[in-house]
Amino acid sequence: MAKIKLTTLDELNDNIWGPVGTPERDEMEAQLKEDLNAYLLGEAIKKARQAQELTQEQLGERVGVQKSQISKLEKGKSVITLPTISRVFRALGVQTAALDLGAQGKVTLW
């Protein structure tokens, strides 16, 4: 009977993206973190919108953008700037927000 060679996820990542610490691997991991953060922010927007029983179109009207832009934000498929985050969450009734900078403290956004 033939033996099956199992490959770990770490080995696959090393083969595809290069070892940890190489420019290719660092770039891939940085992009993955950005994509995850965009997704999580989009989910927060979506949950807040749905809690208020708003459609994407209604939220878009409040923010001053098209429904398609709200859809992209909720899916994490659009680059979102701090001014846009502010407009979206203010439109959702979020009165204050702060950015946690870890050891550097918090910065009030609005």
Protein backbone atom coordinates (compact mmCIF):
# COMPACT_ATOMS: atom_id res chain seq x y z
CA MET A 1 0.00 0.00 0.00
CA ALA A 2 1.33 3.44 -0.95
CA LYS A 3 2.03 5.94 1.79
CA ILE A 4 0.35 9.32 1.58
CA LYS A 5 2.52 12.32 2.28
CA LEU A 6 0.60 14.96 4.18
CA THR A 7 1.54 18.59 3.81
CA THR A 8 0.86 21.13 6.55
CA LEU A 9 -0.72 24.49 5.84
CA ASP A 10 2.53 26.18 6.90
CA GLU A 11 4.43 24.14 4.31
CA LEU A 12 1.91 25.06 1.61
CA ASN A 13 2.14 28.75 2.51
CA ASP A 14 5.95 28.54 2.41
CA ASN A 15 5.82 26.87 -1.01
CA ILE A 16 3.35 29.36 -2.48
CA TRP A 17 4.24 32.65 -0.76
CA GLY A 18 7.78 31.99 0.43
CA PRO A 19 9.06 31.59 3.99
CA VAL A 20 7.98 33.93 6.77
CA GLY A 21 9.98 37.15 6.63
CA THR A 22 10.42 37.27 2.86
CA PRO A 23 9.02 40.29 1.00
CA GLU A 24 6.47 38.17 -0.90
CA ARG A 25 5.15 36.54 2.27
CA ASP A 26 5.08 39.84 4.18
CA GLU A 27 3.14 41.49 1.35
CA MET A 28 0.63 38.63 1.21
CA GLU A 29 0.09 38.68 4.98
CA ALA A 30 -0.30 42.48 5.03
CA GLN A 31 -2.90 42.29 2.24
CA LEU A 32 -4.72 39.52 4.07
CA LYS A 33 -4.90 41.65 7.23
CA GLU A 34 -6.23 44.62 5.24
CA ASP A 35 -8.86 42.43 3.60
CA LEU A 36 -9.92 40.97 6.95
CA ASN A 37 -10.20 44.42 8.55
CA ALA A 38 -12.29 45.67 5.59
CA TYR A 39 -14.55 42.64 5.93
CA LEU A 40 -15.00 43.12 9.69
CA LEU A 41 -15.76 46.82 9.28
CA GLY A 42 -18.24 45.98 6.53
CA GLU A 43 -19.96 43.46 8.78
CA ALA A 44 -20.26 46.09 11.53
CA ILE A 45 -21.87 48.51 9.07
CA LYS A 46 -24.24 45.82 7.83
CA LYS A 47 -25.31 44.75 11.33
CA ALA A 48 -25.91 48.35 12.42
CA ARG A 49 -27.92 49.03 9.26
CA GLN A 50 -30.01 45.88 9.64
CA ALA A 51 -30.63 46.59 13.33
CA GLN A 52 -32.29 49.82 12.23
CA GLU A 53 -34.18 47.98 9.47
CA LEU A 54 -32.64 50.19 6.81
CA THR A 55 -32.03 49.11 3.23
CA GLN A 56 -28.69 49.76 1.60
CA GLU A 57 -30.43 52.34 -0.55
CA GLN A 58 -31.80 54.18 2.51
CA LEU A 59 -28.40 54.22 4.18
CA GLY A 60 -26.84 55.41 0.94
CA GLU A 61 -29.29 58.32 0.83
CA ARG A 62 -28.38 59.29 4.39
CA VAL A 63 -24.66 59.14 3.60
CA GLY A 64 -24.93 60.71 0.16
CA VAL A 65 -23.72 57.74 -1.88
CA GLN A 66 -25.26 55.15 -4.17
CA LYS A 67 -26.62 51.81 -2.90
CA SER A 68 -23.80 50.07 -4.78
CA GLN A 69 -21.21 51.91 -2.65
CA ILE A 70 -22.91 50.74 0.57
CA SER A 71 -22.93 47.20 -0.82
CA LYS A 72 -19.19 47.38 -1.55
CA LEU A 73 -18.47 48.76 1.93
CA GLU A 74 -20.49 46.00 3.59
CA LYS A 75 -18.68 43.33 1.58
CA GLY A 76 -15.28 44.83 2.38
CA LYS A 77 -14.69 45.39 -1.34
CA SER A 78 -14.07 49.12 -1.18
CA VAL A 79 -11.32 51.20 0.39
CA ILE A 80 -12.95 53.17 3.18
CA THR A 81 -11.43 56.38 4.48
CA LEU A 82 -11.91 57.82 7.97
CA PRO A 83 -14.20 60.58 6.64
CA THR A 84 -16.37 57.93 4.97
CA ILE A 85 -16.43 55.80 8.12
CA SER A 86 -17.51 58.89 10.03
CA ARG A 87 -20.31 59.72 7.59
CA VAL A 88 -21.60 56.13 7.55
CA PHE A 89 -21.64 55.63 11.30
CA ARG A 90 -23.05 59.09 11.97
CA ALA A 91 -25.82 58.28 9.49
CA LEU A 92 -26.42 55.15 11.57
CA GLY A 93 -26.70 57.26 14.73
CA VAL A 94 -23.34 56.38 16.28
CA GLN A 95 -22.65 59.50 18.34
CA THR A 96 -19.00 58.93 19.22
CA ALA A 97 -16.13 56.74 18.09
CA ALA A 98 -12.52 56.31 19.08
CA LEU A 99 -9.55 54.64 17.45
CA ASP A 100 -7.61 52.40 19.85
CA LEU A 101 -3.88 52.79 19.19
CA GLY A 102 -2.82 50.33 21.86
CA ALA A 103 0.02 51.66 23.99
CA GLN A 104 -0.34 55.07 22.30
CA GLY A 105 -3.86 55.48 23.71
CA LYS A 106 -7.13 56.28 22.03
CA VAL A 107 -7.94 59.01 19.55
CA THR A 108 -11.48 60.37 19.40
CA LEU A 109 -12.67 60.32 15.79
CA TRP A 110 -15.95 62.19 16.34
